[in-house]
Amino acid sequence: MKDDLYPSRSSTQPRTYERKDPVFYGKGTSNCPISSQDLQGYIENGVMVLEDMFSAEEVASLQTAANSMRQNANTLQAETVVTEPSAERNDIVRSVFAIHQQSDVFANIAASERLSDIARFILNDDVYIHQSRLNYKPGFHGKEFYWHSDFETWHVEDGMPRMRALSMSVMLTDNHSQAGPTMFVSGSHNSFVSCTGETPDENYKKSLKKQEVGVPDADILTHMVETGNIIAPTPPAGSVVIFDCNTMHGSNGNITPLERTNAFFVYNAWSNRLTTPYGGTKERPEFIAHRLVDRPLVAASKKSIQAA
């Protein structure tokens, strides 16, 4: 059996492990594509916000593409479209996965130097897209998503070996504190929370709608919040929220009229490509965890992002 530095879902008792991987893999800050202050905040907190990354015209173009994918969901790969969990609202699109493979607009933004150069710098490696999706949190009906570490799932269910990945959430709408923004536990990325319970077969069919397996113990989470704090960025459209793969995060439901939409890209280090799942389960489908990638992501120029 291969070594597992971050065991989870294999014990009846929750526990934490000290992080065994760097947060910043770089050797220095020369040619850093972000400010040293932003980088230091990311290292300490596990999350940073970069505003004005995309212009109003680019955001409008991205919104058009996102709305088109939602309105024409029947033209997309059926399994990539996830609806809201409640039975009475299961016609409302919650997420669309593999957007960089189904839209030239989102393929361009994923490869954009504005994003991918930051990932390469922090991870100090070539990168590829492990996962991409559009997240829609519609007014009145957007459901909550419970606290979790993405790495815990990617490690157990996908076979991601080490904490050498990060997520970038591109805001396509203004964010509001009342509309269920994503909350992060500052500093939580420095500890791995080993969760209890076994992973059911094809758990992704439920977990993409509602996270019930791979969730942290309440006492451990309470200690994390008492040690750090909860931060809930509410940046304007065109901003990018970047967070470490192991940062604990979640969101409340949205009962306001204010929709929240973002494009989400996970950059994994090329040296950290997926192996067999550490939880002993079957591999999750390709649209959730990309394995069939034959080369690293090639950076696109900084040209304006335009919808087709």
Protein backbone atom coordinates (compact mmCIF):
# COMPACT_ATOMS: atom_id res chain seq x y z
CA MET A 1 0.00 0.00 0.00
CA LYS A 2 1.31 3.44 -0.88
CA ASP A 3 2.27 5.87 1.89
CA ASP A 4 -0.55 8.16 2.96
CA LEU A 5 0.64 11.35 4.64
CA TYR A 6 -2.92 12.58 5.13
CA PRO A 7 -5.17 9.65 6.13
CA SER A 8 -8.88 10.37 6.36
CA ARG A 9 -12.21 8.52 6.55
CA SER A 10 -10.39 5.50 7.92
CA SER A 11 -11.04 5.91 11.66
CA THR A 12 -13.98 6.43 13.98
CA GLN A 13 -12.15 9.27 15.72
CA PRO A 14 -11.49 12.63 14.06
CA ARG A 15 -8.03 14.14 14.45
CA THR A 16 -5.72 16.68 12.90
CA TYR A 17 -2.31 16.29 11.28
CA GLU A 18 0.29 18.99 10.89
CA ARG A 19 0.68 20.08 7.30
CA LYS A 20 3.73 18.40 5.75
CA ASP A 21 3.91 20.54 2.62
CA PRO A 22 4.81 24.19 2.00
CA VAL A 23 2.12 26.76 1.31
CA PHE A 24 4.47 28.74 -0.92
CA TYR A 25 6.78 26.50 -2.94
CA GLY A 26 8.82 29.29 -4.45
CA LYS A 27 12.44 30.00 -3.53
CA GLY A 28 12.13 33.80 -3.49
CA THR A 29 10.00 36.73 -4.59
CA SER A 30 11.85 37.83 -7.73
CA ASN A 31 9.47 38.19 -10.67
CA CYS A 32 6.53 37.78 -8.29
CA PRO A 33 3.28 38.46 -10.23
CA ILE A 34 1.54 39.71 -7.06
CA SER A 35 2.57 42.09 -4.29
CA SER A 36 4.73 40.79 -1.45
CA GLN A 37 1.96 41.84 0.95
CA ASP A 38 -0.63 39.73 -0.90
CA LEU A 39 1.75 36.77 -0.98
CA GLN A 40 2.49 37.03 2.74
CA GLY A 41 -1.22 37.24 3.52
CA TYR A 42 -1.83 34.14 1.44
CA ILE A 43 0.93 32.22 3.25
CA GLU A 44 -0.45 33.22 6.67
CA ASN A 45 -4.20 33.04 6.02
CA GLY A 46 -4.54 30.54 3.17
CA VAL A 47 -6.57 33.02 1.11
CA MET A 48 -6.11 36.33 -0.70
CA VAL A 49 -8.28 38.67 -2.76
CA LEU A 50 -7.05 40.43 -5.89
CA GLU A 51 -9.41 43.14 -7.13
CA ASP A 52 -9.68 44.62 -10.64
CA MET A 53 -8.17 41.58 -12.31
CA PHE A 54 -10.69 41.78 -15.14
CA SER A 55 -12.26 44.86 -16.69
CA ALA A 56 -15.98 45.62 -16.73
CA GLU A 57 -16.08 44.72 -20.42
CA GLU A 58 -14.40 41.38 -19.77
CA VAL A 59 -16.73 40.63 -16.88
CA ALA A 60 -19.73 41.37 -19.10
CA SER A 61 -18.37 38.95 -21.68
CA LEU A 62 -17.85 36.27 -19.03
CA GLN A 63 -21.34 36.84 -17.66
CA THR A 64 -22.77 36.39 -21.13
CA ALA A 65 -20.93 33.09 -21.52
CA ALA A 66 -21.99 31.90 -18.05
CA ASN A 67 -25.64 32.79 -18.62
CA SER A 68 -25.61 31.08 -22.00
CA MET A 69 -24.28 27.85 -20.48
CA ARG A 70 -26.98 27.89 -17.83
CA GLN A 71 -29.79 28.71 -20.25
CA ASN A 72 -28.61 26.10 -22.72
CA ALA A 73 -27.63 23.42 -20.23
CA ASN A 74 -29.25 20.78 -22.43
CA THR A 75 -26.50 21.35 -25.02
CA LEU A 76 -23.71 20.60 -22.52
CA GLN A 77 -22.36 17.23 -21.43
CA ALA A 78 -25.27 16.06 -19.28
CA GLU A 79 -23.22 14.80 -16.33
CA THR A 80 -21.42 18.14 -15.97
CA VAL A 81 -24.63 20.00 -15.05
CA VAL A 82 -25.51 19.88 -11.33
CA THR A 83 -28.84 21.19 -10.07
CA GLU A 84 -29.92 22.45 -6.64
CA PRO A 85 -30.48 19.66 -4.08
CA SER A 86 -34.05 20.40 -3.02
CA ALA A 87 -36.62 18.29 -4.85
CA GLU A 88 -38.88 21.24 -5.58
CA ARG A 89 -36.03 23.28 -7.10
CA ASN A 90 -34.09 20.57 -8.95
CA ASP A 91 -34.54 22.47 -12.20
CA ILE A 92 -32.22 25.25 -11.00
CA VAL A 93 -28.61 24.87 -12.17
CA ARG A 94 -26.18 24.94 -9.23
CA SER A 95 -22.91 24.24 -11.08
CA VAL A 96 -21.51 23.39 -14.49
CA PHE A 97 -18.24 21.42 -14.49
CA ALA A 98 -15.42 21.14 -17.03
CA ILE A 99 -16.15 24.64 -18.32
CA HIS A 100 -12.65 25.04 -19.78
CA GLN A 101 -13.43 22.06 -22.01
CA GLN A 102 -16.88 23.24 -23.04
CA SER A 103 -16.31 26.94 -23.64
CA ASP A 104 -13.51 28.74 -25.47
CA VAL A 105 -14.14 31.77 -23.28
CA PHE A 106 -13.44 29.85 -20.08
CA ALA A 107 -10.59 27.92 -21.68
CA ASN A 108 -8.95 31.28 -22.39
CA ILE A 109 -9.49 32.60 -18.89
CA ALA A 110 -8.10 29.39 -17.32
CA ALA A 111 -4.93 29.74 -19.39
CA SER A 112 -4.68 33.52 -18.99
CA GLU A 113 -1.32 34.68 -17.69
CA ARG A 114 -3.17 36.81 -15.17
CA LEU A 115 -4.21 33.62 -13.39
CA SER A 116 -1.89 30.83 -14.47
CA ASP A 117 1.32 32.78 -13.83
CA ILE A 118 0.28 33.27 -10.20
CA ALA A 119 -0.37 29.53 -9.86
CA ARG A 120 3.01 28.67 -11.39
CA PHE A 121 4.76 31.12 -9.11
CA ILE A 122 3.15 29.92 -5.86
CA LEU A 123 3.40 26.22 -6.72
CA ASN A 124 6.82 26.61 -8.38
CA ASP A 125 5.94 24.13 -11.11
CA ASP A 126 4.12 23.77 -14.37
CA VAL A 127 0.39 23.48 -13.76
CA TYR A 128 -2.75 22.00 -15.24
CA ILE A 129 -6.46 22.34 -14.53
CA HIS A 130 -7.54 19.70 -12.02
CA GLN A 131 -11.14 20.94 -12.01
CA SER A 132 -13.15 23.84 -13.41
CA ARG A 133 -16.73 24.87 -12.92
CA LEU A 134 -19.26 27.66 -12.88
CA ASN A 135 -20.95 28.18 -9.53
CA TYR A 136 -24.36 29.82 -9.56
CA LYS A 137 -25.91 30.93 -6.28
CA PRO A 138 -29.30 32.17 -7.45
CA GLY A 139 -31.35 34.66 -5.50
CA PHE A 140 -33.80 33.15 -3.00
CA HIS A 141 -32.89 29.53 -3.84
CA GLY A 142 -29.09 29.19 -3.53
CA LYS A 143 -28.38 26.52 -0.93
CA GLU A 144 -25.59 26.40 1.63
CA PHE A 145 -22.44 24.33 1.30
CA TYR A 146 -20.98 22.94 4.52
CA TRP A 147 -17.44 23.47 5.82
CA HIS A 148 -14.80 21.36 4.12
CA SER A 149 -11.23 21.21 2.88
CA ASP A 150 -11.09 20.57 -0.86
CA PHE A 151 -7.80 18.71 -0.48
CA GLU A 152 -9.40 16.17 1.87
CA THR A 153 -11.79 15.18 -0.93
CA TRP A 154 -9.23 15.41 -3.71
CA HIS A 155 -6.81 13.26 -1.71
CA VAL A 156 -9.29 10.59 -0.57
CA GLU A 157 -11.54 10.41 -3.65
CA ASP A 158 -9.21 11.53 -6.47
CA GLY A 159 -5.72 10.49 -5.35
CA MET A 160 -4.08 13.93 -5.19
CA PRO A 161 -0.84 13.11 -3.33
CA ARG A 162 0.29 16.41 -1.76
CA MET A 163 -0.95 19.89 -0.91
CA ARG A 164 0.45 21.46 -4.04
CA ALA A 165 -2.70 22.89 -5.61
CA LEU A 166 -4.74 26.06 -5.28
CA SER A 167 -8.12 27.40 -6.34
CA MET A 168 -9.02 30.63 -8.08
CA SER A 169 -12.56 31.96 -7.98
CA VAL A 170 -13.24 34.65 -10.57
CA MET A 171 -16.14 36.85 -9.50
CA LEU A 172 -18.64 37.41 -12.30
CA THR A 173 -21.02 39.35 -10.05
CA ASP A 174 -20.55 41.72 -7.15
CA ASN A 175 -20.47 39.86 -3.84
CA HIS A 176 -22.58 40.88 -0.86
CA SER A 177 -22.28 39.87 2.78
CA GLN A 178 -26.01 39.03 2.89
CA ALA A 179 -25.99 36.70 -0.12
CA GLY A 180 -24.06 33.70 1.20
CA PRO A 181 -20.46 34.57 0.26
CA THR A 182 -17.77 31.94 0.69
CA MET A 183 -16.34 31.97 4.22
CA PHE A 184 -12.79 30.89 5.03
CA VAL A 185 -11.17 29.91 8.33
CA SER A 186 -7.96 31.89 8.47
CA GLY A 187 -4.90 29.71 9.10
CA SER A 188 -6.83 26.45 8.76
CA HIS A 189 -4.68 25.42 5.81
CA ASN A 190 -1.82 24.61 8.20
CA SER A 191 -3.64 21.58 9.66
CA PHE A 192 -5.19 18.63 7.89
CA VAL A 193 -8.50 17.53 9.42
CA SER A 194 -8.94 13.77 9.18
CA CYS A 195 -12.66 13.06 8.87
CA THR A 196 -14.67 10.07 10.03
CA GLY A 197 -17.00 7.78 8.12
CA GLU A 198 -16.60 5.67 5.01
CA THR A 199 -16.99 7.00 1.49
CA PRO A 200 -20.06 5.55 -0.28
CA ASP A 201 -19.77 4.38 -3.86
CA GLU A 202 -20.28 7.25 -6.31
CA ASN A 203 -20.37 9.70 -3.43
CA TYR A 204 -19.89 12.57 -5.89
CA LYS A 205 -23.51 12.26 -7.04
CA LYS A 206 -24.59 13.50 -3.62
CA SER A 207 -21.59 15.55 -2.56
CA LEU A 208 -21.80 17.91 -5.53
CA LYS A 209 -25.23 18.91 -4.28
CA LYS A 210 -24.68 18.61 -0.53
CA GLN A 211 -21.46 17.80 1.32
CA GLU A 212 -22.16 15.12 3.94
CA VAL A 213 -19.00 12.95 3.81
CA GLY A 214 -15.57 14.44 4.41
CA VAL A 215 -16.84 17.20 6.70
CA PRO A 216 -14.81 18.36 9.72
CA ASP A 217 -15.55 17.51 13.32
CA ALA A 218 -17.45 20.33 15.06
CA ASP A 219 -15.03 20.54 18.00
CA ILE A 220 -12.02 20.70 15.70
CA LEU A 221 -13.67 23.35 13.56
CA THR A 222 -14.58 25.36 16.66
CA HIS A 223 -10.95 25.28 17.80
CA MET A 224 -9.79 26.39 14.35
CA VAL A 225 -12.17 29.35 14.40
CA GLU A 226 -11.13 30.29 17.94
CA THR A 227 -7.47 30.09 16.93
CA GLY A 228 -7.92 31.99 13.68
CA ASN A 229 -11.10 33.66 12.55
CA ILE A 230 -13.73 33.51 9.84
CA ILE A 231 -13.25 35.83 6.90
CA ALA A 232 -15.87 36.29 4.19
CA PRO A 233 -14.55 38.38 1.29
CA THR A 234 -17.16 40.34 -0.66
CA PRO A 235 -15.18 41.76 -3.58
CA PRO A 236 -16.74 43.31 -6.69
CA ALA A 237 -17.10 41.58 -10.03
CA GLY A 238 -13.77 41.22 -11.82
CA SER A 239 -11.95 40.24 -8.63
CA VAL A 240 -10.25 36.90 -7.99
CA VAL A 241 -10.25 35.05 -4.68
CA ILE A 242 -7.30 32.65 -4.44
CA PHE A 243 -7.11 30.02 -1.72
CA ASP A 244 -4.93 27.09 -0.78
CA CYS A 245 -6.25 23.59 -1.48
CA ASN A 246 -6.47 22.83 2.26
CA THR A 247 -8.15 26.02 3.49
CA MET A 248 -11.38 25.24 5.33
CA HIS A 249 -14.32 27.00 3.69
CA GLY A 250 -18.08 26.89 3.25
CA SER A 251 -21.05 29.16 2.58
CA ASN A 252 -24.52 29.95 3.87
CA GLY A 253 -27.66 29.83 1.78
CA ASN A 254 -28.81 32.81 -0.24
CA ILE A 255 -32.32 34.04 0.57
CA THR A 256 -31.74 37.50 -0.90
CA PRO A 257 -32.62 38.55 -4.48
CA LEU A 258 -28.88 39.03 -5.15
CA GLU A 259 -27.36 36.31 -7.33
CA ARG A 260 -23.72 35.31 -6.87
CA THR A 261 -21.87 33.73 -9.80
CA ASN A 262 -18.23 32.79 -10.11
CA ALA A 263 -15.96 30.81 -12.41
CA PHE A 264 -13.81 28.39 -10.43
CA PHE A 265 -10.46 26.94 -11.52
CA VAL A 266 -8.22 24.52 -9.62
CA TYR A 267 -4.55 24.60 -10.61
CA ASN A 268 -2.57 21.52 -9.63
CA ALA A 269 1.21 21.19 -9.91
CA TRP A 270 2.27 19.00 -12.80
CA SER A 271 4.44 16.97 -10.39
CA ASN A 272 1.36 16.40 -8.19
CA ARG A 273 -0.82 14.63 -10.75
CA LEU A 274 -3.44 12.19 -9.52
CA THR A 275 -2.74 8.61 -8.52
CA THR A 276 -5.24 6.02 -7.32
CA PRO A 277 -7.63 7.41 -4.67
CA TYR A 278 -6.22 7.14 -1.15
CA GLY A 279 -9.63 6.15 0.19
CA GLY A 280 -9.70 2.95 -1.84
CA THR A 281 -12.71 4.06 -3.88
CA LYS A 282 -13.16 4.11 -7.63
CA GLU A 283 -11.80 7.13 -9.44
CA ARG A 284 -14.30 9.95 -9.79
CA PRO A 285 -15.36 10.82 -13.35
CA GLU A 286 -13.07 12.83 -15.58
CA PHE A 287 -15.34 15.88 -15.59
CA ILE A 288 -14.74 16.31 -11.82
CA ALA A 289 -11.07 15.31 -11.57
CA HIS A 290 -9.02 15.54 -14.74
CA ARG A 291 -6.57 12.71 -15.28
CA LEU A 292 -6.42 12.57 -19.06
CA VAL A 293 -4.08 15.54 -19.35
CA ASP A 294 -1.08 14.94 -21.57
CA ARG A 295 0.82 18.19 -21.02
CA PRO A 296 0.94 21.20 -18.71
CA LEU A 297 -1.20 24.26 -19.31
CA VAL A 298 0.24 26.66 -21.86
CA ALA A 299 -0.05 30.27 -20.77
CA ALA A 300 -2.20 32.50 -22.95
CA SER A 301 -1.34 36.14 -23.47
CA LYS A 302 -2.80 38.96 -21.43
CA LYS A 303 -5.15 39.92 -24.25
CA SER A 304 -8.71 40.85 -23.38
CA ILE A 305 -11.14 38.00 -22.70
CA GLN A 306 -14.05 38.17 -25.11
CA ALA A 307 -17.09 35.96 -25.53
CA ALA A 308 -17.51 34.17 -28.81
